Amino acid sequence: MGKAQQAGAQPTTRDYLKVGVILFVLTVAEVVAIYIEALKPVLAAVLVLLSAWKFLLVAQVFMHLKYDSRVYAGFFAVGVTLAILITLAVTVIIL
């Protein structure tokens, strides 16, 4: 991001457009990965990694976690961690 963001300012329209282009490229990569036969054994892992990358990018920029206090990012991280742990626990119980 630009120098203004490093000083704690909010993102500009140009920053949002950059992120939009990155998200588009990652989405295209996900679709292309589905059609590559060599990736079939690791397709789920590849898709999860690409999706996680997109999720983190959206959380950082569009939820302003990158520009706000680390306390907010901490609350968000605790919530996401609890959600993942609860999902894993429910999955283990069901199986």
N, C-alpha and C. Protein backbone atom coordinates (compact mmCIF):
# COMPACT_ATOMS: atom_id res chain seq x y z
N MET A 1 0.83 -1.17 0.00
CA MET A 1 0.00 0.00 0.00
C MET A 1 0.88 1.24 0.00
N GLY A 2 0.26 2.40 -0.16
CA GLY A 2 1.02 3.63 -0.28
C GLY A 2 1.54 4.15 1.04
N LYS A 3 2.27 5.28 0.97
CA LYS A 3 2.86 5.87 2.17
C LYS A 3 1.79 6.35 3.15
N ALA A 4 0.66 6.78 2.64
CA ALA A 4 -0.41 7.27 3.52
C ALA A 4 -0.92 6.16 4.43
N GLN A 5 -1.01 4.94 3.91
CA GLN A 5 -1.49 3.83 4.71
C GLN A 5 -0.52 3.46 5.81
N GLN A 6 0.77 3.62 5.56
CA GLN A 6 1.77 3.28 6.56
C GLN A 6 1.68 4.21 7.76
N ALA A 7 1.20 5.42 7.54
CA ALA A 7 1.08 6.39 8.62
C ALA A 7 -0.22 6.24 9.40
N GLY A 8 -1.07 5.28 9.02
CA GLY A 8 -2.30 5.04 9.75
C GLY A 8 -3.53 5.58 9.06
N ALA A 9 -3.39 6.16 7.87
CA ALA A 9 -4.54 6.69 7.14
C ALA A 9 -5.35 5.53 6.55
N GLN A 10 -6.54 5.84 6.14
CA GLN A 10 -7.42 4.83 5.54
C GLN A 10 -7.02 4.59 4.08
N PRO A 11 -7.41 3.42 3.54
CA PRO A 11 -7.05 3.11 2.15
C PRO A 11 -7.75 4.03 1.16
N THR A 12 -7.11 4.19 0.01
CA THR A 12 -7.67 5.02 -1.05
C THR A 12 -8.44 4.16 -2.04
N THR A 13 -9.11 4.81 -2.96
CA THR A 13 -9.83 4.09 -4.02
C THR A 13 -8.86 3.23 -4.82
N ARG A 14 -7.67 3.74 -5.06
CA ARG A 14 -6.66 2.97 -5.80
C ARG A 14 -6.29 1.69 -5.05
N ASP A 15 -6.19 1.76 -3.72
CA ASP A 15 -5.88 0.58 -2.93
C ASP A 15 -6.99 -0.45 -3.05
N TYR A 16 -8.25 0.02 -3.00
CA TYR A 16 -9.38 -0.90 -3.14
C TYR A 16 -9.38 -1.56 -4.52
N LEU A 17 -9.04 -0.79 -5.54
CA LEU A 17 -8.98 -1.36 -6.89
C LEU A 17 -7.87 -2.41 -7.00
N LYS A 18 -6.72 -2.16 -6.39
CA LYS A 18 -5.64 -3.14 -6.38
C LYS A 18 -6.10 -4.44 -5.73
N VAL A 19 -6.75 -4.30 -4.58
CA VAL A 19 -7.24 -5.49 -3.87
C VAL A 19 -8.27 -6.21 -4.72
N GLY A 20 -9.15 -5.45 -5.39
CA GLY A 20 -10.15 -6.06 -6.26
C GLY A 20 -9.51 -6.87 -7.38
N VAL A 21 -8.46 -6.34 -7.97
CA VAL A 21 -7.75 -7.05 -9.04
C VAL A 21 -7.10 -8.32 -8.48
N ILE A 22 -6.50 -8.22 -7.31
CA ILE A 22 -5.87 -9.40 -6.69
C ILE A 22 -6.91 -10.46 -6.40
N LEU A 23 -8.06 -10.05 -5.86
CA LEU A 23 -9.13 -11.00 -5.58
C LEU A 23 -9.63 -11.66 -6.86
N PHE A 24 -9.73 -10.88 -7.94
CA PHE A 24 -10.15 -11.43 -9.22
C PHE A 24 -9.15 -12.47 -9.72
N VAL A 25 -7.86 -12.15 -9.63
CA VAL A 25 -6.82 -13.08 -10.08
C VAL A 25 -6.85 -14.37 -9.26
N LEU A 26 -7.02 -14.24 -7.94
CA LEU A 26 -7.09 -15.43 -7.09
C LEU A 26 -8.31 -16.28 -7.41
N THR A 27 -9.43 -15.64 -7.71
CA THR A 27 -10.64 -16.38 -8.09
C THR A 27 -10.44 -17.11 -9.41
N VAL A 28 -9.82 -16.45 -10.37
CA VAL A 28 -9.52 -17.11 -11.65
C VAL A 28 -8.58 -18.30 -11.41
N ALA A 29 -7.60 -18.13 -10.53
CA ALA A 29 -6.67 -19.23 -10.21
C ALA A 29 -7.43 -20.41 -9.60
N GLU A 30 -8.42 -20.14 -8.77
CA GLU A 30 -9.22 -21.22 -8.20
C GLU A 30 -9.98 -21.98 -9.28
N VAL A 31 -10.59 -21.25 -10.19
CA VAL A 31 -11.35 -21.89 -11.26
C VAL A 31 -10.42 -22.69 -12.16
N VAL A 32 -9.28 -22.13 -12.51
CA VAL A 32 -8.33 -22.82 -13.38
C VAL A 32 -7.79 -24.08 -12.69
N ALA A 33 -7.55 -23.99 -11.39
CA ALA A 33 -7.02 -25.14 -10.65
C ALA A 33 -7.94 -26.35 -10.73
N ILE A 34 -9.24 -26.11 -10.81
CA ILE A 34 -10.20 -27.20 -10.89
C ILE A 34 -10.00 -28.02 -12.16
N TYR A 35 -9.59 -27.37 -13.23
CA TYR A 35 -9.46 -28.04 -14.52
C TYR A 35 -8.07 -28.60 -14.79
N ILE A 36 -7.13 -28.42 -13.89
CA ILE A 36 -5.79 -28.96 -14.08
C ILE A 36 -5.74 -30.36 -13.47
N GLU A 37 -5.59 -31.35 -14.32
CA GLU A 37 -5.62 -32.76 -13.89
C GLU A 37 -4.50 -33.09 -12.89
N ALA A 38 -3.34 -32.48 -13.06
CA ALA A 38 -2.20 -32.79 -12.18
C ALA A 38 -2.46 -32.35 -10.74
N LEU A 39 -3.40 -31.44 -10.54
CA LEU A 39 -3.69 -30.94 -9.19
C LEU A 39 -4.77 -31.74 -8.47
N LYS A 40 -5.36 -32.73 -9.14
CA LYS A 40 -6.46 -33.49 -8.54
C LYS A 40 -6.13 -34.04 -7.15
N PRO A 41 -4.93 -34.62 -6.93
CA PRO A 41 -4.65 -35.17 -5.59
C PRO A 41 -4.57 -34.11 -4.49
N VAL A 42 -4.22 -32.89 -4.83
CA VAL A 42 -4.06 -31.84 -3.83
C VAL A 42 -5.02 -30.67 -4.07
N LEU A 43 -6.07 -30.92 -4.84
CA LEU A 43 -6.98 -29.84 -5.22
C LEU A 43 -7.63 -29.18 -4.01
N ALA A 44 -8.09 -29.97 -3.06
CA ALA A 44 -8.74 -29.40 -1.88
C ALA A 44 -7.79 -28.47 -1.12
N ALA A 45 -6.55 -28.89 -0.95
CA ALA A 45 -5.57 -28.07 -0.23
C ALA A 45 -5.29 -26.77 -0.99
N VAL A 46 -5.17 -26.86 -2.30
CA VAL A 46 -4.90 -25.67 -3.12
C VAL A 46 -6.07 -24.69 -3.01
N LEU A 47 -7.29 -25.20 -3.09
CA LEU A 47 -8.46 -24.33 -3.01
C LEU A 47 -8.61 -23.70 -1.62
N VAL A 48 -8.31 -24.47 -0.59
CA VAL A 48 -8.39 -23.93 0.77
C VAL A 48 -7.34 -22.83 0.97
N LEU A 49 -6.14 -23.04 0.47
CA LEU A 49 -5.09 -22.02 0.60
C LEU A 49 -5.44 -20.74 -0.15
N LEU A 50 -5.95 -20.88 -1.37
CA LEU A 50 -6.34 -19.70 -2.14
C LEU A 50 -7.50 -18.98 -1.47
N SER A 51 -8.45 -19.73 -0.95
CA SER A 51 -9.59 -19.12 -0.25
C SER A 51 -9.15 -18.42 1.03
N ALA A 52 -8.23 -19.03 1.76
CA ALA A 52 -7.72 -18.42 3.00
C ALA A 52 -7.00 -17.11 2.67
N TRP A 53 -6.23 -17.11 1.59
CA TRP A 53 -5.53 -15.90 1.17
C TRP A 53 -6.54 -14.79 0.87
N LYS A 54 -7.60 -15.13 0.13
CA LYS A 54 -8.63 -14.14 -0.17
C LYS A 54 -9.32 -13.64 1.10
N PHE A 55 -9.61 -14.56 2.00
CA PHE A 55 -10.27 -14.19 3.26
C PHE A 55 -9.41 -13.20 4.06
N LEU A 56 -8.13 -13.50 4.19
CA LEU A 56 -7.24 -12.62 4.95
C LEU A 56 -7.11 -11.25 4.29
N LEU A 57 -7.06 -11.23 2.98
CA LEU A 57 -6.97 -9.96 2.25
C LEU A 57 -8.23 -9.12 2.47
N VAL A 58 -9.39 -9.75 2.37
CA VAL A 58 -10.65 -9.03 2.59
C VAL A 58 -10.73 -8.54 4.03
N ALA A 59 -10.36 -9.38 4.99
CA ALA A 59 -10.42 -8.99 6.40
C ALA A 59 -9.48 -7.82 6.67
N GLN A 60 -8.30 -7.85 6.11
CA GLN A 60 -7.33 -6.78 6.35
C GLN A 60 -7.77 -5.45 5.76
N VAL A 61 -8.22 -5.48 4.52
CA VAL A 61 -8.47 -4.22 3.81
C VAL A 61 -9.91 -3.76 3.96
N PHE A 62 -10.87 -4.60 3.63
CA PHE A 62 -12.26 -4.16 3.62
C PHE A 62 -12.86 -4.06 5.01
N MET A 63 -12.30 -4.79 5.98
CA MET A 63 -12.75 -4.66 7.36
C MET A 63 -11.84 -3.69 8.12
N HIS A 64 -10.88 -3.11 7.43
CA HIS A 64 -9.97 -2.09 7.96
C HIS A 64 -9.11 -2.59 9.12
N LEU A 65 -8.93 -3.90 9.25
CA LEU A 65 -8.10 -4.42 10.33
C LEU A 65 -6.64 -4.01 10.17
N LYS A 66 -6.24 -3.83 8.94
CA LYS A 66 -4.85 -3.44 8.68
C LYS A 66 -4.57 -2.01 9.15
N TYR A 67 -5.60 -1.19 9.20
CA TYR A 67 -5.42 0.22 9.49
C TYR A 67 -5.90 0.61 10.89
N ASP A 68 -6.62 -0.28 11.56
CA ASP A 68 -7.15 0.03 12.90
C ASP A 68 -6.22 -0.50 13.98
N SER A 69 -6.63 -0.29 15.20
CA SER A 69 -5.87 -0.76 16.35
C SER A 69 -5.72 -2.29 16.33
N ARG A 70 -4.61 -2.77 16.82
CA ARG A 70 -4.39 -4.22 16.88
C ARG A 70 -5.37 -4.91 17.82
N VAL A 71 -5.98 -4.16 18.70
CA VAL A 71 -6.99 -4.73 19.60
C VAL A 71 -8.15 -5.30 18.79
N TYR A 72 -8.59 -4.57 17.77
CA TYR A 72 -9.69 -5.04 16.92
C TYR A 72 -9.29 -6.30 16.16
N ALA A 73 -8.07 -6.31 15.65
CA ALA A 73 -7.58 -7.50 14.96
C ALA A 73 -7.51 -8.67 15.92
N GLY A 74 -7.15 -8.42 17.17
CA GLY A 74 -7.10 -9.48 18.18
C GLY A 74 -8.47 -10.04 18.46
N PHE A 75 -9.47 -9.17 18.62
CA PHE A 75 -10.85 -9.64 18.82
C PHE A 75 -11.30 -10.49 17.64
N PHE A 76 -10.98 -10.03 16.43
CA PHE A 76 -11.36 -10.76 15.23
C PHE A 76 -10.67 -12.12 15.20
N ALA A 77 -9.38 -12.16 15.51
CA ALA A 77 -8.62 -13.42 15.49
C ALA A 77 -9.17 -14.41 16.52
N VAL A 78 -9.52 -13.92 17.71
CA VAL A 78 -10.08 -14.80 18.73
C VAL A 78 -11.41 -15.37 18.26
N GLY A 79 -12.25 -14.54 17.67
CA GLY A 79 -13.54 -15.01 17.16
C GLY A 79 -13.39 -16.06 16.07
N VAL A 80 -12.49 -15.81 15.13
CA VAL A 80 -12.27 -16.77 14.04
C VAL A 80 -11.69 -18.07 14.59
N THR A 81 -10.77 -17.97 15.53
CA THR A 81 -10.18 -19.17 16.13
C THR A 81 -11.24 -19.99 16.86
N LEU A 82 -12.10 -19.33 17.62
CA LEU A 82 -13.18 -20.05 18.31
C LEU A 82 -14.13 -20.71 17.31
N ALA A 83 -14.46 -20.02 16.24
CA ALA A 83 -15.34 -20.58 15.23
C ALA A 83 -14.73 -21.83 14.60
N ILE A 84 -13.44 -21.78 14.32
CA ILE A 84 -12.75 -22.94 13.73
C ILE A 84 -12.73 -24.11 14.72
N LEU A 85 -12.42 -23.82 15.98
CA LEU A 85 -12.37 -24.88 16.99
C LEU A 85 -13.75 -25.51 17.21
N ILE A 86 -14.79 -24.70 17.25
CA ILE A 86 -16.14 -25.23 17.42
C ILE A 86 -16.53 -26.08 16.22
N THR A 87 -16.20 -25.63 15.02
CA THR A 87 -16.50 -26.40 13.82
C THR A 87 -15.78 -27.74 13.84
N LEU A 88 -14.51 -27.73 14.22
CA LEU A 88 -13.75 -28.99 14.31
C LEU A 88 -14.34 -29.91 15.37
N ALA A 89 -14.72 -29.36 16.50
CA ALA A 89 -15.29 -30.17 17.57
C ALA A 89 -16.61 -30.81 17.14
N VAL A 90 -17.46 -30.04 16.50
CA VAL A 90 -18.74 -30.57 16.03
C VAL A 90 -18.50 -31.64 14.96
N THR A 91 -17.55 -31.40 14.08
CA THR A 91 -17.24 -32.38 13.05
C THR A 91 -16.76 -33.69 13.65
N VAL A 92 -15.91 -33.62 14.66
CA VAL A 92 -15.39 -34.83 15.32
C VAL A 92 -16.51 -35.57 16.02
N ILE A 93 -17.42 -34.83 16.66
CA ILE A 93 -18.53 -35.46 17.36
C ILE A 93 -19.46 -36.16 16.38
N ILE A 94 -19.73 -35.54 15.25
CA ILE A 94 -20.63 -36.12 14.25
C ILE A 94 -20.01 -37.37 13.63
N LEU A 95 -18.71 -37.33 13.39
CA LEU A 95 -18.05 -38.49 12.77
C LEU A 95 -17.87 -39.55 13.82
